[in-house]
N, C-alpha and C. Protein backbone atom coordinates (compact mmCIF):
# COMPACT_ATOMS: atom_id res chain seq x y z
N MET A 1 -36.49 14.73 -150.54
CA MET A 1 -37.51 14.81 -149.52
C MET A 1 -37.07 14.08 -148.24
N VAL A 2 -36.45 12.92 -148.39
CA VAL A 2 -36.00 12.16 -147.24
C VAL A 2 -34.95 12.95 -146.46
N CYS A 3 -34.00 13.54 -147.19
CA CYS A 3 -32.94 14.30 -146.52
C CYS A 3 -33.53 15.48 -145.76
N PHE A 4 -34.52 16.13 -146.35
CA PHE A 4 -35.15 17.27 -145.69
C PHE A 4 -35.82 16.83 -144.39
N CYS A 5 -36.50 15.70 -144.40
CA CYS A 5 -37.20 15.21 -143.20
C CYS A 5 -36.21 14.87 -142.10
N VAL A 6 -35.12 14.23 -142.45
CA VAL A 6 -34.10 13.88 -141.46
C VAL A 6 -33.49 15.15 -140.88
N ALA A 7 -33.15 16.08 -141.74
CA ALA A 7 -32.55 17.33 -141.27
C ALA A 7 -33.53 18.09 -140.39
N LEU A 8 -34.79 18.10 -140.75
CA LEU A 8 -35.80 18.77 -139.96
C LEU A 8 -35.94 18.09 -138.59
N ALA A 9 -35.95 16.76 -138.61
CA ALA A 9 -36.07 16.03 -137.34
C ALA A 9 -34.87 16.27 -136.44
N ILE A 10 -33.70 16.30 -137.01
CA ILE A 10 -32.50 16.53 -136.22
C ILE A 10 -32.49 17.96 -135.68
N GLY A 11 -32.82 18.91 -136.53
CA GLY A 11 -32.78 20.30 -136.11
C GLY A 11 -33.87 20.67 -135.13
N ALA A 12 -35.05 20.10 -135.27
CA ALA A 12 -36.17 20.51 -134.44
C ALA A 12 -36.39 19.62 -133.21
N GLY A 13 -35.98 18.37 -133.31
CA GLY A 13 -36.35 17.43 -132.26
C GLY A 13 -35.35 17.27 -131.13
N PHE A 14 -34.13 17.66 -131.30
CA PHE A 14 -33.12 17.40 -130.28
C PHE A 14 -32.53 18.71 -129.78
N PRO A 15 -32.27 18.79 -128.48
CA PRO A 15 -31.66 20.01 -127.95
C PRO A 15 -30.21 20.13 -128.40
N THR A 16 -29.75 21.35 -128.44
CA THR A 16 -28.35 21.57 -128.82
C THR A 16 -27.44 21.17 -127.67
N GLN A 17 -26.16 21.02 -127.98
CA GLN A 17 -25.18 20.66 -126.96
C GLN A 17 -25.14 21.72 -125.87
N GLU A 18 -25.27 22.98 -126.25
CA GLU A 18 -25.25 24.06 -125.27
C GLU A 18 -26.44 23.97 -124.33
N ALA A 19 -27.61 23.63 -124.86
CA ALA A 19 -28.81 23.52 -124.03
C ALA A 19 -28.67 22.38 -123.02
N VAL A 20 -28.10 21.28 -123.46
CA VAL A 20 -27.89 20.15 -122.55
C VAL A 20 -26.91 20.54 -121.46
N ALA A 21 -25.83 21.20 -121.82
CA ALA A 21 -24.82 21.61 -120.85
C ALA A 21 -25.40 22.58 -119.83
N GLN A 22 -26.30 23.46 -120.26
CA GLN A 22 -26.88 24.44 -119.35
C GLN A 22 -27.87 23.80 -118.39
N SER A 23 -28.58 22.77 -118.83
CA SER A 23 -29.60 22.17 -117.98
C SER A 23 -29.05 21.10 -117.05
N ALA A 24 -27.91 20.52 -117.36
CA ALA A 24 -27.34 19.45 -116.52
C ALA A 24 -26.38 20.04 -115.50
N PRO A 25 -26.49 19.59 -114.24
CA PRO A 25 -25.53 20.08 -113.25
C PRO A 25 -24.14 19.54 -113.55
N ALA A 26 -23.13 20.31 -113.20
CA ALA A 26 -21.75 19.86 -113.39
C ALA A 26 -21.50 18.66 -112.49
N MET A 27 -20.61 17.79 -112.92
CA MET A 27 -20.31 16.60 -112.12
C MET A 27 -19.83 17.03 -110.74
N GLY A 28 -20.37 16.37 -109.73
CA GLY A 28 -19.94 16.65 -108.37
C GLY A 28 -20.63 17.85 -107.73
N THR A 29 -21.55 18.53 -108.46
CA THR A 29 -22.20 19.70 -107.90
C THR A 29 -23.68 19.49 -107.62
N ALA A 30 -24.18 18.28 -107.81
CA ALA A 30 -25.59 18.02 -107.56
C ALA A 30 -25.88 18.22 -106.07
N LYS A 31 -27.07 18.71 -105.78
CA LYS A 31 -27.45 18.93 -104.39
C LYS A 31 -27.59 17.59 -103.69
N ALA A 32 -27.09 17.52 -102.48
CA ALA A 32 -27.18 16.29 -101.69
C ALA A 32 -28.62 16.11 -101.21
N GLN A 33 -29.11 14.91 -101.33
CA GLN A 33 -30.44 14.56 -100.85
C GLN A 33 -30.29 13.34 -99.95
N PRO A 34 -29.91 13.57 -98.69
CA PRO A 34 -29.58 12.46 -97.80
C PRO A 34 -30.65 11.38 -97.70
N GLU A 35 -31.92 11.76 -97.80
CA GLU A 35 -32.96 10.74 -97.68
C GLU A 35 -33.05 9.85 -98.92
N TYR A 36 -32.44 10.25 -100.02
CA TYR A 36 -32.49 9.47 -101.26
C TYR A 36 -31.14 8.91 -101.68
N VAL A 37 -30.09 9.33 -101.01
CA VAL A 37 -28.74 8.95 -101.42
C VAL A 37 -28.02 8.33 -100.22
N LYS A 38 -27.27 7.28 -100.48
CA LYS A 38 -26.47 6.69 -99.42
C LYS A 38 -25.04 6.53 -99.91
N THR A 39 -24.13 6.55 -98.98
CA THR A 39 -22.73 6.35 -99.29
C THR A 39 -22.41 4.87 -99.15
N VAL A 40 -21.77 4.31 -100.15
CA VAL A 40 -21.41 2.90 -100.13
C VAL A 40 -19.89 2.80 -100.16
N ARG A 41 -19.34 2.10 -99.20
CA ARG A 41 -17.90 1.86 -99.20
C ARG A 41 -17.63 0.60 -100.01
N GLU A 42 -16.60 0.65 -100.83
CA GLU A 42 -16.21 -0.48 -101.67
C GLU A 42 -14.73 -0.75 -101.49
N ILE A 43 -14.36 -1.99 -101.63
CA ILE A 43 -12.95 -2.35 -101.61
C ILE A 43 -12.30 -1.80 -102.88
N SER A 44 -11.11 -1.28 -102.75
CA SER A 44 -10.42 -0.72 -103.91
C SER A 44 -9.68 -1.82 -104.68
N LEU A 45 -9.32 -1.52 -105.90
CA LEU A 45 -8.53 -2.45 -106.70
C LEU A 45 -7.19 -2.71 -106.03
N ALA A 46 -6.57 -1.67 -105.50
CA ALA A 46 -5.27 -1.84 -104.83
C ALA A 46 -5.39 -2.81 -103.66
N SER A 47 -6.45 -2.68 -102.88
CA SER A 47 -6.65 -3.61 -101.76
C SER A 47 -6.94 -5.02 -102.25
N ALA A 48 -7.72 -5.13 -103.32
CA ALA A 48 -8.02 -6.45 -103.88
C ALA A 48 -6.73 -7.14 -104.34
N GLN A 49 -5.86 -6.38 -104.96
CA GLN A 49 -4.58 -6.95 -105.42
C GLN A 49 -3.71 -7.37 -104.24
N ARG A 50 -3.74 -6.59 -103.16
CA ARG A 50 -2.98 -6.97 -101.96
C ARG A 50 -3.54 -8.24 -101.34
N LEU A 51 -4.86 -8.37 -101.35
CA LEU A 51 -5.47 -9.60 -100.84
C LEU A 51 -5.03 -10.80 -101.66
N LEU A 52 -4.99 -10.63 -102.99
CA LEU A 52 -4.50 -11.73 -103.84
C LEU A 52 -3.07 -12.09 -103.49
N ALA A 53 -2.23 -11.09 -103.32
CA ALA A 53 -0.82 -11.34 -102.98
C ALA A 53 -0.72 -12.10 -101.66
N ASN A 54 -1.52 -11.70 -100.68
CA ASN A 54 -1.53 -12.40 -99.40
C ASN A 54 -2.01 -13.84 -99.59
N GLY A 55 -3.02 -14.02 -100.42
CA GLY A 55 -3.53 -15.36 -100.68
C GLY A 55 -2.51 -16.25 -101.35
N LEU A 56 -1.76 -15.70 -102.28
CA LEU A 56 -0.71 -16.48 -102.94
C LEU A 56 0.36 -16.90 -101.93
N GLU A 57 0.69 -16.00 -101.02
CA GLU A 57 1.68 -16.33 -99.99
C GLU A 57 1.17 -17.43 -99.06
N ILE A 58 -0.07 -17.30 -98.62
CA ILE A 58 -0.66 -18.31 -97.73
C ILE A 58 -0.72 -19.67 -98.42
N ALA A 59 -1.19 -19.68 -99.67
CA ALA A 59 -1.29 -20.94 -100.42
C ALA A 59 0.09 -21.55 -100.65
N GLY A 60 1.07 -20.70 -100.94
CA GLY A 60 2.44 -21.19 -101.15
C GLY A 60 3.01 -21.84 -99.90
N GLN A 61 2.75 -21.24 -98.75
CA GLN A 61 3.23 -21.81 -97.49
C GLN A 61 2.63 -23.19 -97.23
N ARG A 62 1.41 -23.38 -97.70
CA ARG A 62 0.71 -24.65 -97.49
C ARG A 62 0.86 -25.60 -98.68
N GLU A 63 1.63 -25.17 -99.67
CA GLU A 63 1.85 -25.95 -100.89
C GLU A 63 0.51 -26.33 -101.56
N MET A 64 -0.36 -25.34 -101.66
CA MET A 64 -1.68 -25.53 -102.27
C MET A 64 -1.70 -24.85 -103.63
N ARG A 65 -2.50 -25.37 -104.53
CA ARG A 65 -2.73 -24.76 -105.85
C ARG A 65 -4.18 -24.33 -105.91
N LEU A 66 -4.38 -23.03 -105.83
CA LEU A 66 -5.72 -22.50 -105.65
C LEU A 66 -6.08 -21.45 -106.70
N ALA A 67 -7.37 -21.18 -106.78
CA ALA A 67 -7.88 -20.00 -107.46
C ALA A 67 -8.43 -19.08 -106.37
N ILE A 68 -8.15 -17.80 -106.51
CA ILE A 68 -8.58 -16.82 -105.51
C ILE A 68 -9.27 -15.67 -106.25
N ALA A 69 -10.47 -15.32 -105.78
CA ALA A 69 -11.24 -14.23 -106.38
C ALA A 69 -11.55 -13.19 -105.32
N VAL A 70 -11.53 -11.92 -105.72
CA VAL A 70 -11.95 -10.82 -104.84
C VAL A 70 -13.03 -10.05 -105.59
N VAL A 71 -14.17 -9.86 -104.92
CA VAL A 71 -15.30 -9.12 -105.50
C VAL A 71 -15.63 -7.92 -104.63
N ASP A 72 -16.35 -6.96 -105.22
CA ASP A 72 -16.81 -5.82 -104.43
C ASP A 72 -18.08 -6.23 -103.68
N SER A 73 -18.70 -5.31 -102.96
CA SER A 73 -19.86 -5.66 -102.14
C SER A 73 -21.07 -6.07 -102.96
N ALA A 74 -21.09 -5.73 -104.24
CA ALA A 74 -22.18 -6.14 -105.12
C ALA A 74 -21.87 -7.45 -105.84
N GLY A 75 -20.72 -8.04 -105.55
CA GLY A 75 -20.37 -9.31 -106.16
C GLY A 75 -19.68 -9.20 -107.50
N ASN A 76 -19.27 -8.01 -107.89
CA ASN A 76 -18.57 -7.82 -109.16
C ASN A 76 -17.09 -8.13 -108.99
N LEU A 77 -16.55 -8.90 -109.91
CA LEU A 77 -15.15 -9.32 -109.83
C LEU A 77 -14.20 -8.14 -109.96
N LEU A 78 -13.28 -8.03 -109.01
CA LEU A 78 -12.24 -6.99 -109.04
C LEU A 78 -10.88 -7.56 -109.38
N ALA A 79 -10.56 -8.72 -108.80
CA ALA A 79 -9.23 -9.30 -109.00
C ALA A 79 -9.35 -10.81 -108.89
N PHE A 80 -8.50 -11.49 -109.65
CA PHE A 80 -8.55 -12.95 -109.68
C PHE A 80 -7.19 -13.50 -110.04
N VAL A 81 -6.88 -14.68 -109.49
CA VAL A 81 -5.67 -15.40 -109.87
C VAL A 81 -5.96 -16.89 -109.78
N ARG A 82 -5.45 -17.63 -110.76
CA ARG A 82 -5.46 -19.10 -110.69
C ARG A 82 -4.01 -19.53 -110.73
N MET A 83 -3.59 -20.17 -109.67
CA MET A 83 -2.20 -20.58 -109.55
C MET A 83 -1.88 -21.69 -110.54
N ASP A 84 -0.62 -21.79 -110.91
CA ASP A 84 -0.18 -22.89 -111.77
C ASP A 84 -0.58 -24.21 -111.12
N GLY A 85 -1.16 -25.07 -111.91
CA GLY A 85 -1.55 -26.38 -111.42
C GLY A 85 -2.95 -26.45 -110.84
N ALA A 86 -3.60 -25.31 -110.63
CA ALA A 86 -4.98 -25.32 -110.12
C ALA A 86 -5.92 -25.71 -111.26
N SER A 87 -6.89 -26.52 -110.96
CA SER A 87 -7.85 -26.98 -111.96
C SER A 87 -8.61 -25.81 -112.58
N ILE A 88 -8.97 -25.96 -113.83
CA ILE A 88 -9.75 -24.92 -114.50
C ILE A 88 -11.13 -24.76 -113.86
N VAL A 89 -11.63 -25.81 -113.23
CA VAL A 89 -12.93 -25.76 -112.56
C VAL A 89 -12.91 -24.74 -111.41
N THR A 90 -11.75 -24.53 -110.83
CA THR A 90 -11.65 -23.64 -109.67
C THR A 90 -11.97 -22.18 -110.00
N ILE A 91 -11.90 -21.82 -111.26
CA ILE A 91 -12.14 -20.42 -111.65
C ILE A 91 -13.55 -19.98 -111.26
N ASP A 92 -14.56 -20.63 -111.83
CA ASP A 92 -15.94 -20.25 -111.56
C ASP A 92 -16.33 -20.51 -110.11
N VAL A 93 -15.77 -21.55 -109.51
CA VAL A 93 -16.10 -21.87 -108.12
C VAL A 93 -15.59 -20.78 -107.18
N ALA A 94 -14.36 -20.33 -107.35
CA ALA A 94 -13.82 -19.27 -106.49
C ALA A 94 -14.64 -17.99 -106.62
N VAL A 95 -14.98 -17.63 -107.85
CA VAL A 95 -15.79 -16.42 -108.07
C VAL A 95 -17.17 -16.60 -107.44
N GLY A 96 -17.77 -17.77 -107.62
CA GLY A 96 -19.09 -18.04 -107.04
C GLY A 96 -19.10 -17.98 -105.52
N LYS A 97 -18.06 -18.50 -104.91
CA LYS A 97 -17.97 -18.44 -103.45
C LYS A 97 -17.83 -17.00 -102.97
N ALA A 98 -17.02 -16.22 -103.65
CA ALA A 98 -16.86 -14.81 -103.27
C ALA A 98 -18.17 -14.05 -103.44
N ARG A 99 -18.85 -14.27 -104.55
CA ARG A 99 -20.14 -13.58 -104.78
C ARG A 99 -21.16 -13.96 -103.71
N THR A 100 -21.19 -15.23 -103.36
CA THR A 100 -22.13 -15.68 -102.34
C THR A 100 -21.87 -14.97 -101.02
N ALA A 101 -20.62 -14.87 -100.62
CA ALA A 101 -20.27 -14.17 -99.38
C ALA A 101 -20.64 -12.69 -99.45
N ALA A 102 -20.44 -12.07 -100.61
CA ALA A 102 -20.79 -10.66 -100.77
C ALA A 102 -22.31 -10.47 -100.74
N PHE A 103 -23.04 -11.31 -101.46
CA PHE A 103 -24.51 -11.18 -101.51
C PHE A 103 -25.13 -11.39 -100.13
N LEU A 104 -24.65 -12.42 -99.41
CA LEU A 104 -25.23 -12.75 -98.11
C LEU A 104 -24.64 -11.93 -96.97
N LYS A 105 -23.51 -11.27 -97.25
CA LYS A 105 -22.78 -10.54 -96.21
C LYS A 105 -22.44 -11.48 -95.05
N ALA A 106 -22.09 -12.70 -95.44
CA ALA A 106 -21.76 -13.76 -94.47
C ALA A 106 -20.91 -14.79 -95.20
N PRO A 107 -20.20 -15.63 -94.47
CA PRO A 107 -19.43 -16.69 -95.13
C PRO A 107 -20.33 -17.58 -95.99
N SER A 108 -19.81 -18.04 -97.11
CA SER A 108 -20.61 -18.90 -97.99
C SER A 108 -20.98 -20.21 -97.30
N LYS A 109 -20.26 -20.57 -96.26
CA LYS A 109 -20.60 -21.77 -95.48
C LYS A 109 -21.99 -21.65 -94.87
N VAL A 110 -22.42 -20.44 -94.54
CA VAL A 110 -23.77 -20.22 -94.01
C VAL A 110 -24.80 -20.74 -95.01
N PHE A 111 -24.58 -20.46 -96.28
CA PHE A 111 -25.50 -20.92 -97.32
C PHE A 111 -25.42 -22.44 -97.47
N GLU A 112 -24.21 -22.98 -97.42
CA GLU A 112 -24.03 -24.43 -97.48
C GLU A 112 -24.78 -25.09 -96.33
N ASP A 113 -24.67 -24.53 -95.14
CA ASP A 113 -25.35 -25.09 -93.97
C ASP A 113 -26.87 -25.03 -94.12
N MET A 114 -27.38 -23.96 -94.73
CA MET A 114 -28.82 -23.86 -94.97
C MET A 114 -29.30 -25.00 -95.86
N ILE A 115 -28.55 -25.27 -96.91
CA ILE A 115 -28.92 -26.33 -97.85
C ILE A 115 -28.87 -27.68 -97.14
N ASN A 116 -27.81 -27.90 -96.38
CA ASN A 116 -27.61 -29.19 -95.71
C ASN A 116 -28.55 -29.41 -94.53
N SER A 117 -29.19 -28.35 -94.03
CA SER A 117 -30.06 -28.50 -92.87
C SER A 117 -31.54 -28.50 -93.24
N GLY A 118 -31.85 -28.84 -94.47
CA GLY A 118 -33.24 -29.02 -94.83
C GLY A 118 -33.88 -27.89 -95.60
N GLN A 119 -33.11 -27.02 -96.18
CA GLN A 119 -33.67 -25.96 -97.02
C GLN A 119 -33.12 -26.08 -98.44
N PRO A 120 -33.30 -27.25 -99.07
CA PRO A 120 -32.70 -27.47 -100.39
C PRO A 120 -33.22 -26.53 -101.48
N SER A 121 -34.42 -25.97 -101.29
CA SER A 121 -34.93 -25.06 -102.32
C SER A 121 -34.06 -23.82 -102.44
N MET A 122 -33.31 -23.49 -101.39
CA MET A 122 -32.41 -22.34 -101.44
C MET A 122 -31.32 -22.54 -102.49
N ALA A 123 -31.03 -23.79 -102.83
CA ALA A 123 -29.97 -24.08 -103.80
C ALA A 123 -30.30 -23.53 -105.18
N THR A 124 -31.57 -23.23 -105.42
CA THR A 124 -31.97 -22.70 -106.73
C THR A 124 -31.84 -21.18 -106.80
N THR A 125 -31.38 -20.55 -105.73
CA THR A 125 -31.22 -19.10 -105.73
C THR A 125 -30.14 -18.71 -106.74
N PRO A 126 -30.49 -17.92 -107.75
CA PRO A 126 -29.51 -17.56 -108.78
C PRO A 126 -28.31 -16.82 -108.21
N GLY A 127 -27.14 -17.19 -108.69
CA GLY A 127 -25.92 -16.48 -108.34
C GLY A 127 -25.27 -16.91 -107.04
N LEU A 128 -25.88 -17.82 -106.29
CA LEU A 128 -25.31 -18.25 -105.03
C LEU A 128 -24.77 -19.67 -105.15
N LEU A 129 -23.66 -19.91 -104.50
CA LEU A 129 -22.99 -21.21 -104.55
C LEU A 129 -22.88 -21.75 -103.13
N PRO A 130 -23.53 -22.88 -102.84
CA PRO A 130 -23.55 -23.39 -101.47
C PRO A 130 -22.32 -24.22 -101.11
N LEU A 131 -21.17 -23.59 -101.16
CA LEU A 131 -19.91 -24.25 -100.82
C LEU A 131 -19.09 -23.33 -99.93
N GLN A 132 -18.46 -23.88 -98.93
CA GLN A 132 -17.62 -23.05 -98.07
C GLN A 132 -16.35 -22.63 -98.80
N GLY A 133 -15.83 -21.48 -98.42
CA GLY A 133 -14.63 -20.94 -99.06
C GLY A 133 -14.81 -19.50 -99.51
N GLY A 134 -15.96 -18.90 -99.19
CA GLY A 134 -16.20 -17.49 -99.47
C GLY A 134 -16.34 -16.73 -98.16
N ILE A 135 -15.59 -15.64 -98.01
CA ILE A 135 -15.58 -14.87 -96.75
C ILE A 135 -15.72 -13.38 -97.07
N PRO A 136 -16.62 -12.68 -96.36
CA PRO A 136 -16.73 -11.23 -96.56
C PRO A 136 -15.47 -10.50 -96.09
N VAL A 137 -15.18 -9.39 -96.74
CA VAL A 137 -14.13 -8.48 -96.29
C VAL A 137 -14.86 -7.32 -95.62
N VAL A 138 -14.51 -7.07 -94.36
CA VAL A 138 -15.24 -6.10 -93.55
C VAL A 138 -14.33 -4.92 -93.18
N PHE A 139 -14.89 -3.73 -93.31
CA PHE A 139 -14.20 -2.51 -92.89
C PHE A 139 -15.16 -1.70 -92.03
N ASP A 140 -14.76 -1.41 -90.82
CA ASP A 140 -15.56 -0.59 -89.91
C ASP A 140 -16.98 -1.14 -89.77
N GLY A 141 -17.09 -2.47 -89.68
CA GLY A 141 -18.38 -3.12 -89.49
C GLY A 141 -19.22 -3.27 -90.74
N GLU A 142 -18.70 -2.90 -91.88
CA GLU A 142 -19.46 -2.93 -93.13
C GLU A 142 -18.77 -3.85 -94.14
N VAL A 143 -19.57 -4.70 -94.80
CA VAL A 143 -19.01 -5.58 -95.83
C VAL A 143 -18.71 -4.73 -97.06
N ILE A 144 -17.44 -4.72 -97.46
CA ILE A 144 -17.02 -3.91 -98.61
C ILE A 144 -16.59 -4.77 -99.79
N GLY A 145 -16.62 -6.07 -99.60
CA GLY A 145 -16.21 -7.01 -100.65
C GLY A 145 -16.18 -8.40 -100.07
N ALA A 146 -15.61 -9.33 -100.83
CA ALA A 146 -15.49 -10.70 -100.36
C ALA A 146 -14.38 -11.41 -101.11
N VAL A 147 -13.90 -12.49 -100.49
CA VAL A 147 -12.85 -13.33 -101.06
C VAL A 147 -13.43 -14.72 -101.26
N GLY A 148 -13.11 -15.34 -102.39
CA GLY A 148 -13.49 -16.73 -102.62
C GLY A 148 -12.27 -17.54 -102.98
N VAL A 149 -12.16 -18.74 -102.41
CA VAL A 149 -11.02 -19.62 -102.64
C VAL A 149 -11.53 -20.98 -103.08
N SER A 150 -10.87 -21.57 -104.06
CA SER A 150 -11.23 -22.91 -104.53
C SER A 150 -9.98 -23.65 -104.95
N GLY A 151 -9.98 -24.96 -104.73
CA GLY A 151 -8.87 -25.78 -105.19
C GLY A 151 -8.44 -26.84 -104.20
N SER A 152 -8.95 -26.76 -102.98
CA SER A 152 -8.62 -27.75 -101.97
C SER A 152 -9.94 -28.27 -101.39
N SER A 153 -9.89 -28.85 -100.21
CA SER A 153 -11.14 -29.27 -99.56
C SER A 153 -11.91 -28.03 -99.14
N GLY A 154 -13.19 -28.18 -98.91
CA GLY A 154 -13.99 -27.05 -98.47
C GLY A 154 -13.44 -26.42 -97.21
N GLU A 155 -13.03 -27.26 -96.28
CA GLU A 155 -12.48 -26.76 -95.01
C GLU A 155 -11.19 -25.96 -95.23
N ASN A 156 -10.31 -26.48 -96.08
CA ASN A 156 -9.07 -25.75 -96.38
C ASN A 156 -9.35 -24.45 -97.12
N ASP A 157 -10.27 -24.50 -98.09
CA ASP A 157 -10.64 -23.28 -98.82
C ASP A 157 -11.16 -22.23 -97.84
N GLN A 158 -11.99 -22.66 -96.91
CA GLN A 158 -12.57 -21.75 -95.91
C GLN A 158 -11.47 -21.13 -95.03
N THR A 159 -10.53 -21.95 -94.60
CA THR A 159 -9.45 -21.48 -93.75
C THR A 159 -8.59 -20.44 -94.47
N VAL A 160 -8.23 -20.74 -95.71
CA VAL A 160 -7.39 -19.81 -96.48
C VAL A 160 -8.16 -18.52 -96.77
N ALA A 161 -9.43 -18.64 -97.17
CA ALA A 161 -10.23 -17.45 -97.44
C ALA A 161 -10.36 -16.58 -96.20
N THR A 162 -10.53 -17.21 -95.05
CA THR A 162 -10.63 -16.46 -93.79
C THR A 162 -9.34 -15.71 -93.50
N ARG A 163 -8.23 -16.37 -93.67
CA ARG A 163 -6.93 -15.70 -93.42
C ARG A 163 -6.72 -14.54 -94.39
N ILE A 164 -7.11 -14.74 -95.65
CA ILE A 164 -6.97 -13.65 -96.64
C ILE A 164 -7.83 -12.47 -96.23
N ALA A 165 -9.10 -12.72 -95.94
CA ALA A 165 -10.02 -11.63 -95.58
C ALA A 165 -9.56 -10.92 -94.31
N GLU A 166 -9.07 -11.68 -93.35
CA GLU A 166 -8.59 -11.07 -92.11
C GLU A 166 -7.34 -10.22 -92.33
N SER A 167 -6.58 -10.53 -93.36
CA SER A 167 -5.36 -9.75 -93.63
C SER A 167 -5.69 -8.31 -94.02
N PHE A 168 -6.92 -8.06 -94.44
CA PHE A 168 -7.32 -6.70 -94.81
C PHE A 168 -7.16 -5.74 -93.63
N ALA A 169 -7.38 -6.22 -92.43
CA ALA A 169 -7.27 -5.37 -91.24
C ALA A 169 -5.85 -4.86 -91.02
N ARG A 170 -4.87 -5.51 -91.64
CA ARG A 170 -3.47 -5.09 -91.46
C ARG A 170 -3.00 -4.12 -92.55
N PHE A 171 -3.87 -3.74 -93.45
CA PHE A 171 -3.47 -2.81 -94.52
C PHE A 171 -3.30 -1.42 -93.97
């Protein structure tokens, strides 16, 4: 009796594979609905890896041991490196700085300045890190990702992150 009920439920309750295929539009053929759909530009993995390479070169020239993170515009990690000798603490800090810059579409120093200028309640905002060293990556006036650097002073992290993000324009 149990087997019959399961078989009946499977046979009667679910559409066949052919029915699903007929009712679903093929990938890439859905009608465009401009008022409901927007195009989002994102930094590519190849570009994120190039930014890391540039960051390693910049840090090497300055004899710094850093962690460098690259995130997309939604703050999702795309590429990361922790140089030999960089503290393990720098991992989460670099990612946090990059996410903050991506979320705010502004340098993470902006958030640090907000906290330091009398808005301490902002520090409780989930996912944001009020430390300088996160810089948005901009393409054609649009934030497409961000870079976060950790391992030196805030000012040095900010300088290196800025140079890395600016290097995107030379790709």
